[in-house]
Amino acid sequence: MSKNQDTNLVPRITGLLILEVRKSNPNGDPERESSPRQRPDGKGEISPVSVKRKLRDLVLEKEGVVWQEVKGSLKIQSDDGFQILESRGRKRDEIKKQMEPKDGKLGQAFIDAYWDGRLFGNTFLEEGGSDTIRSGIAHFGVGVSIAPIEIEFSTWTSKSGVETGKDRGMAPMAFRVVKHGLYAVPFFVNPNFAHKTGCTKLDVDLMLHLLKHTYAGTRSVVRSMVEVIHAHTFTHNSRAGSVSDFAFLDALIPKKNDNRDKPSESLADYGDLPTWEKIKDLPVRSSSKVTFAQCGEYRDYAL
């Protein structure tokens, strides 16, 4: 067991979500009428904001099954310290009072209240309050599909019309989905600013335990079949970092078997996905004798 896990200190973590998408839209692009996000090279994208929104929604739904289950697993005694700053209906005046600094530090009432403020940082801009804007300790990178994606469009109809004189309703090309895709979403926990945001190890543990529920627990009509199939997490031996983030990510990002410039039809197109068992004894760099297993501890939070 590493020293990080023996204490309540926020650890340094490098992570990678592997998402499978079937006939769904994992992240719509508002500039393209909510079509699935797609890069010029044809690969799909998922924005960091989209992933964090789903994590926030799971914590916000205090009566929900996911929150109740994870709360019990982590022995969280009260909901009070796990409010969501980025939520509808927030009252600016109340939050402003909570943010009032004391002794040059962000208000303790604010720190104590908002889980996403401690974890992702405070972007609640206040006039003259630039000293309270902090970068968070957990960051998600842009998710990118392994292969190009194919987007399907279809028209939806309803039995009764909405418009006057129409006996039925039609929504041309309303259903815009990725036929199939495998996406890799990197994420990072950097403890360097934990003392500024008030983030704790429990805050990080909550995020990690929510990862497998990120999409399954927030399904929608156009996002009915998106699933986290791996949530690779690597806890570094050193809180300053004990291995290159890129080395870990590169070792675990899947590759398509063949026809890599063509969209995939199913998960079988990627063969056996990289796992910790396959990469743990690999050298961190080709010229290194140090392996991944010597640099930290691994866990798949999707299992």
Protein backbone atom coordinates (compact mmCIF):
# COMPACT_ATOMS: atom_id res chain seq x y z
CA MET A 1 0.00 0.00 0.00
CA SER A 2 1.36 3.40 -0.98
CA LYS A 3 1.86 6.26 1.45
CA ASN A 4 -0.87 8.18 -0.36
CA GLN A 5 -3.45 5.60 0.70
CA ASP A 6 -2.22 5.53 4.30
CA THR A 7 -3.21 9.15 4.83
CA ASN A 8 -5.99 11.58 4.04
CA LEU A 9 -3.77 13.50 1.64
CA VAL A 10 -5.07 14.07 -1.88
CA PRO A 11 -3.03 11.75 -4.15
CA ARG A 12 -1.74 12.37 -7.64
CA ILE A 13 -3.76 10.34 -10.13
CA THR A 14 -3.66 9.78 -13.86
CA GLY A 15 -6.82 8.27 -15.28
CA LEU A 16 -8.41 7.15 -18.52
CA LEU A 17 -12.08 6.47 -19.25
CA ILE A 18 -12.84 4.11 -22.13
CA LEU A 19 -16.41 4.67 -23.34
CA GLU A 20 -18.35 2.56 -25.81
CA VAL A 21 -21.08 4.37 -27.75
CA ARG A 22 -23.85 2.55 -29.59
CA LYS A 23 -26.52 4.44 -31.53
CA SER A 24 -26.19 7.40 -29.16
CA ASN A 25 -24.98 10.97 -28.99
CA PRO A 26 -22.37 11.19 -26.22
CA ASN A 27 -22.00 14.97 -26.50
CA GLY A 28 -23.95 17.28 -28.79
CA ASP A 29 -22.41 20.30 -30.52
CA PRO A 30 -24.62 23.41 -30.11
CA GLU A 31 -22.99 24.95 -33.18
CA ARG A 32 -24.16 21.99 -35.32
CA GLU A 33 -27.75 21.65 -34.10
CA SER A 34 -26.63 19.24 -31.35
CA SER A 35 -25.10 16.72 -33.75
CA PRO A 36 -22.41 14.57 -32.11
CA ARG A 37 -19.18 16.52 -31.85
CA GLN A 38 -16.77 15.62 -34.64
CA ARG A 39 -13.29 16.78 -35.56
CA PRO A 40 -12.16 17.60 -39.12
CA ASP A 41 -10.40 14.22 -39.29
CA GLY A 42 -13.74 12.49 -38.68
CA LYS A 43 -13.06 11.42 -35.10
CA GLY A 44 -15.64 12.13 -32.43
CA GLU A 45 -15.11 14.38 -29.43
CA ILE A 46 -16.47 14.69 -25.90
CA SER A 47 -15.90 17.95 -24.05
CA PRO A 48 -14.51 18.03 -20.49
CA VAL A 49 -17.48 20.16 -19.40
CA SER A 50 -19.86 17.43 -20.56
CA VAL A 51 -18.23 14.77 -18.35
CA LYS A 52 -18.09 17.01 -15.28
CA ARG A 53 -21.75 17.98 -15.75
CA LYS A 54 -22.79 14.35 -15.41
CA LEU A 55 -20.74 13.88 -12.25
CA ARG A 56 -22.30 17.02 -10.79
CA ASP A 57 -25.80 15.80 -11.67
CA LEU A 58 -25.23 12.48 -9.90
CA VAL A 59 -24.24 14.28 -6.70
CA LEU A 60 -26.99 16.86 -7.07
CA GLU A 61 -29.67 14.13 -7.15
CA LYS A 62 -29.56 13.42 -3.42
CA GLU A 63 -32.58 11.08 -3.53
CA GLY A 64 -31.12 9.17 -6.46
CA VAL A 65 -30.00 5.56 -6.23
CA VAL A 66 -26.41 6.33 -7.29
CA TRP A 67 -25.84 9.00 -4.63
CA GLN A 68 -27.40 6.86 -1.92
CA GLU A 69 -25.27 3.84 -2.86
CA VAL A 70 -21.98 5.72 -3.14
CA LYS A 71 -22.71 7.75 -0.02
CA GLY A 72 -23.15 4.52 1.90
CA SER A 73 -20.01 2.95 0.44
CA LEU A 74 -17.89 5.94 1.44
CA LYS A 75 -19.66 6.37 4.80
CA ILE A 76 -20.56 10.00 4.08
CA GLN A 77 -22.50 11.13 7.14
CA SER A 78 -24.23 14.23 5.78
CA ASP A 79 -25.25 15.74 2.43
CA ASP A 80 -24.45 19.25 3.68
CA GLY A 81 -20.84 19.30 2.50
CA PHE A 82 -21.70 17.94 -0.95
CA GLN A 83 -23.77 20.67 -2.52
CA ILE A 84 -23.24 21.61 -6.18
CA LEU A 85 -22.19 25.15 -7.02
CA GLU A 86 -22.87 24.82 -10.76
CA SER A 87 -26.60 24.17 -10.44
CA ARG A 88 -29.85 25.84 -11.38
CA GLY A 89 -31.60 27.99 -8.82
CA ARG A 90 -28.47 29.01 -6.98
CA LYS A 91 -28.75 32.26 -5.05
CA ARG A 92 -25.91 34.60 -5.83
CA ASP A 93 -26.28 36.74 -2.72
CA GLU A 94 -26.05 33.71 -0.43
CA ILE A 95 -23.04 32.35 -2.29
CA LYS A 96 -21.37 35.75 -2.20
CA LYS A 97 -21.64 35.75 1.58
CA GLN A 98 -20.18 32.26 1.75
CA MET A 99 -17.28 33.41 -0.42
CA GLU A 100 -16.31 36.35 1.78
CA PRO A 101 -12.60 35.89 2.48
CA LYS A 102 -11.18 35.67 5.94
CA ASP A 103 -7.50 36.21 6.67
CA GLY A 104 -6.88 36.42 2.92
CA LYS A 105 -8.39 32.99 2.26
CA LEU A 106 -11.53 31.85 0.48
CA GLY A 107 -14.48 31.77 2.86
CA GLN A 108 -14.67 28.54 4.87
CA ALA A 109 -18.45 28.39 4.46
CA PHE A 110 -17.98 28.18 0.69
CA ILE A 111 -15.28 25.51 1.00
CA ASP A 112 -17.39 23.44 3.37
CA ALA A 113 -20.49 23.54 1.16
CA TYR A 114 -19.58 22.83 -2.46
CA TRP A 115 -18.08 19.53 -3.60
CA ASP A 116 -17.58 20.67 -7.20
CA GLY A 117 -16.03 23.93 -6.00
CA ARG A 118 -13.43 22.03 -4.00
CA LEU A 119 -12.79 19.45 -6.73
CA PHE A 120 -13.10 21.32 -10.03
CA GLY A 121 -12.34 24.84 -8.82
CA ASN A 122 -14.39 27.97 -8.35
CA THR A 123 -15.45 29.69 -11.54
CA PHE A 124 -18.22 31.65 -9.85
CA LEU A 125 -16.93 35.05 -10.90
CA GLU A 126 -17.66 37.92 -8.57
CA GLU A 127 -16.91 41.56 -9.14
CA GLY A 128 -13.66 42.39 -7.43
CA GLY A 129 -13.24 38.82 -6.27
CA SER A 130 -10.45 37.61 -8.51
CA ASP A 131 -8.55 36.26 -5.52
CA THR A 132 -11.29 33.65 -4.98
CA ILE A 133 -11.05 32.11 -8.45
CA ARG A 134 -9.07 28.90 -8.08
CA SER A 135 -8.07 26.19 -10.47
CA GLY A 136 -9.41 22.86 -9.32
CA ILE A 137 -7.40 19.72 -8.64
CA ALA A 138 -9.40 17.38 -10.93
CA HIS A 139 -9.30 17.96 -14.67
CA PHE A 140 -10.78 16.03 -17.59
CA GLY A 141 -9.17 16.23 -21.01
CA VAL A 142 -10.98 16.22 -24.35
CA GLY A 143 -12.36 12.78 -25.15
CA VAL A 144 -11.52 11.56 -28.66
CA SER A 145 -12.77 8.48 -30.48
CA ILE A 146 -10.17 5.92 -31.47
CA ALA A 147 -11.47 5.75 -35.04
CA PRO A 148 -13.55 8.15 -37.16
CA ILE A 149 -17.27 8.06 -36.40
CA GLU A 150 -20.30 7.75 -38.66
CA ILE A 151 -23.29 9.88 -37.70
CA GLU A 152 -26.82 8.72 -38.46
CA PHE A 153 -29.73 11.12 -38.91
CA SER A 154 -33.40 10.18 -38.71
CA THR A 155 -36.72 11.96 -38.53
CA TRP A 156 -38.95 11.44 -35.52
CA THR A 157 -42.73 11.67 -35.63
CA SER A 158 -45.46 11.98 -33.06
CA LYS A 159 -49.03 10.74 -33.40
CA SER A 160 -50.62 14.11 -32.62
CA GLY A 161 -49.50 17.32 -34.28
CA VAL A 162 -48.46 20.45 -32.45
CA GLU A 163 -49.02 22.90 -35.31
CA THR A 164 -52.53 24.07 -36.16
CA GLY A 165 -54.02 22.05 -39.00
CA LYS A 166 -51.47 19.22 -38.70
CA ASP A 167 -52.71 15.74 -37.85
CA ARG A 168 -49.24 14.54 -36.89
CA GLY A 169 -45.92 15.99 -35.84
CA MET A 170 -42.55 15.61 -37.53
CA ALA A 171 -39.06 16.49 -36.39
CA PRO A 172 -36.76 16.18 -39.40
CA MET A 173 -33.32 14.76 -38.53
CA ALA A 174 -34.06 15.14 -34.82
CA PHE A 175 -32.26 11.92 -33.92
CA ARG A 176 -28.52 12.41 -34.52
CA VAL A 177 -26.38 9.59 -33.18
CA VAL A 178 -23.01 7.88 -33.53
CA LYS A 179 -23.52 4.39 -35.03
CA HIS A 180 -20.63 3.00 -33.00
CA GLY A 181 -17.58 4.47 -31.35
CA LEU A 182 -14.93 3.84 -28.74
CA TYR A 183 -13.77 6.99 -26.95
CA ALA A 184 -10.80 7.65 -24.67
CA VAL A 185 -11.21 10.42 -22.07
CA PRO A 186 -8.12 11.26 -19.96
CA PHE A 187 -8.40 12.79 -16.51
CA PHE A 188 -5.96 13.98 -13.87
CA VAL A 189 -5.88 14.68 -10.14
CA ASN A 190 -3.18 17.18 -9.20
CA PRO A 191 -2.87 17.74 -5.42
CA ASN A 192 -0.75 20.86 -5.86
CA PHE A 193 -3.68 23.26 -5.29
CA ALA A 194 -5.72 21.16 -2.85
CA HIS A 195 -4.75 23.47 0.01
CA LYS A 196 -6.30 26.40 -1.84
CA THR A 197 -9.64 24.85 -2.77
CA GLY A 198 -10.03 22.80 0.42
CA CYS A 199 -10.29 19.56 -1.54
CA THR A 200 -9.96 16.36 0.49
CA LYS A 201 -9.21 12.74 -0.33
CA LEU A 202 -12.88 11.95 0.30
CA ASP A 203 -13.84 14.42 -2.44
CA VAL A 204 -11.55 12.61 -4.87
CA ASP A 205 -12.74 9.18 -3.76
CA LEU A 206 -16.32 10.25 -4.43
CA MET A 207 -15.45 11.25 -7.99
CA LEU A 208 -13.66 7.95 -8.60
CA HIS A 209 -16.58 5.89 -7.28
CA LEU A 210 -18.97 7.84 -9.53
CA LEU A 211 -17.01 7.20 -12.72
CA LYS A 212 -18.73 3.98 -13.74
CA HIS A 213 -22.12 5.65 -13.22
CA THR A 214 -21.25 8.75 -15.26
CA TYR A 215 -23.30 7.73 -18.30
CA ALA A 216 -25.34 4.76 -17.06
CA GLY A 217 -26.76 6.94 -14.28
CA THR A 218 -27.59 9.94 -16.49
CA ARG A 219 -29.14 8.35 -19.57
CA SER A 220 -31.30 10.39 -21.92
CA VAL A 221 -33.26 9.75 -25.13
CA VAL A 222 -30.29 10.35 -27.43
CA ARG A 223 -27.73 9.04 -24.94
CA SER A 224 -29.34 5.73 -24.09
CA MET A 225 -26.37 3.50 -24.92
CA VAL A 226 -23.12 5.00 -23.66
CA GLU A 227 -21.18 3.01 -21.11
CA VAL A 228 -17.88 3.28 -19.25
CA ILE A 229 -16.21 -0.06 -19.94
CA HIS A 230 -12.91 0.85 -18.25
CA ALA A 231 -12.07 3.55 -15.71
CA HIS A 232 -8.30 3.12 -15.49
CA THR A 233 -6.78 4.99 -12.53
CA PHE A 234 -3.11 5.14 -11.59
CA THR A 235 -2.20 6.52 -8.17
CA HIS A 236 1.40 7.73 -8.25
CA ASN A 237 3.80 6.74 -5.49
CA SER A 238 4.87 10.38 -5.31
CA ARG A 239 2.34 13.19 -4.96
CA ALA A 240 4.61 15.19 -7.26
CA GLY A 241 4.32 12.47 -9.91
CA SER A 242 6.26 9.25 -10.38
CA VAL A 243 5.63 8.51 -14.07
CA SER A 244 4.81 10.46 -17.22
CA ASP A 245 1.07 10.92 -17.65
CA PHE A 246 1.47 10.46 -21.39
CA ALA A 247 3.36 7.18 -20.95
CA PHE A 248 0.49 5.73 -18.91
CA LEU A 249 -2.21 6.99 -21.27
CA ASP A 250 -0.41 5.84 -24.41
CA ALA A 251 -0.03 2.36 -22.97
CA LEU A 252 -3.76 1.98 -22.29
CA ILE A 253 -5.44 3.74 -25.22
CA PRO A 254 -6.90 1.03 -27.52
CA LYS A 255 -6.13 0.68 -31.20
CA LYS A 256 -8.39 -0.54 -33.97
CA ASN A 257 -7.36 -3.86 -35.52
CA ASP A 258 -7.38 -2.70 -39.16
CA ASN A 259 -8.98 -0.13 -41.44
CA ARG A 260 -8.13 2.50 -38.84
CA ASP A 261 -9.45 5.29 -41.05
CA LYS A 262 -12.92 3.69 -41.10
CA PRO A 263 -15.62 3.80 -38.38
CA SER A 264 -15.99 0.73 -36.19
CA GLU A 265 -19.04 -1.52 -36.22
CA SER A 266 -18.60 -3.09 -32.81
CA LEU A 267 -16.19 -3.50 -29.91
CA ALA A 268 -14.79 -6.59 -31.66
CA ASP A 269 -13.07 -4.26 -34.16
CA TYR A 270 -10.58 -3.35 -31.40
CA GLY A 271 -9.60 -6.87 -30.37
CA ASP A 272 -8.40 -7.35 -26.82
CA LEU A 273 -8.28 -3.94 -25.16
CA PRO A 274 -5.12 -2.99 -23.23
CA THR A 275 -5.37 -3.79 -19.53
CA TRP A 276 -3.17 -3.27 -16.49
CA GLU A 277 -2.13 -6.92 -16.55
CA LYS A 278 -0.77 -6.43 -20.06
CA ILE A 279 1.09 -3.18 -19.45
CA LYS A 280 2.14 -3.19 -15.78
CA ASP A 281 5.52 -4.80 -16.45
CA LEU A 282 6.33 -2.62 -19.46
CA PRO A 283 9.12 -0.08 -19.00
CA VAL A 284 7.84 3.44 -18.48
CA ARG A 285 10.01 4.51 -21.40
CA SER A 286 11.80 2.32 -23.90
CA SER A 287 15.18 3.19 -22.39
CA SER A 288 14.03 2.70 -18.79
CA LYS A 289 14.32 -0.32 -16.53
CA VAL A 290 11.54 1.02 -14.33
CA THR A 291 8.08 -0.47 -14.96
CA PHE A 292 4.64 0.98 -14.38
CA ALA A 293 4.04 -1.39 -11.48
CA GLN A 294 7.01 0.14 -9.65
CA CYS A 295 5.68 3.68 -9.99
CA GLY A 296 2.26 3.48 -8.39
CA GLU A 297 -0.95 1.56 -7.82
CA TYR A 298 -3.70 0.79 -10.31
CA ARG A 299 -7.44 0.30 -10.08
CA ASP A 300 -10.24 -0.04 -12.63
CA TYR A 301 -13.21 1.82 -11.15
CA ALA A 302 -15.56 0.47 -13.81
CA LEU A 303 -15.40 -3.01 -12.30
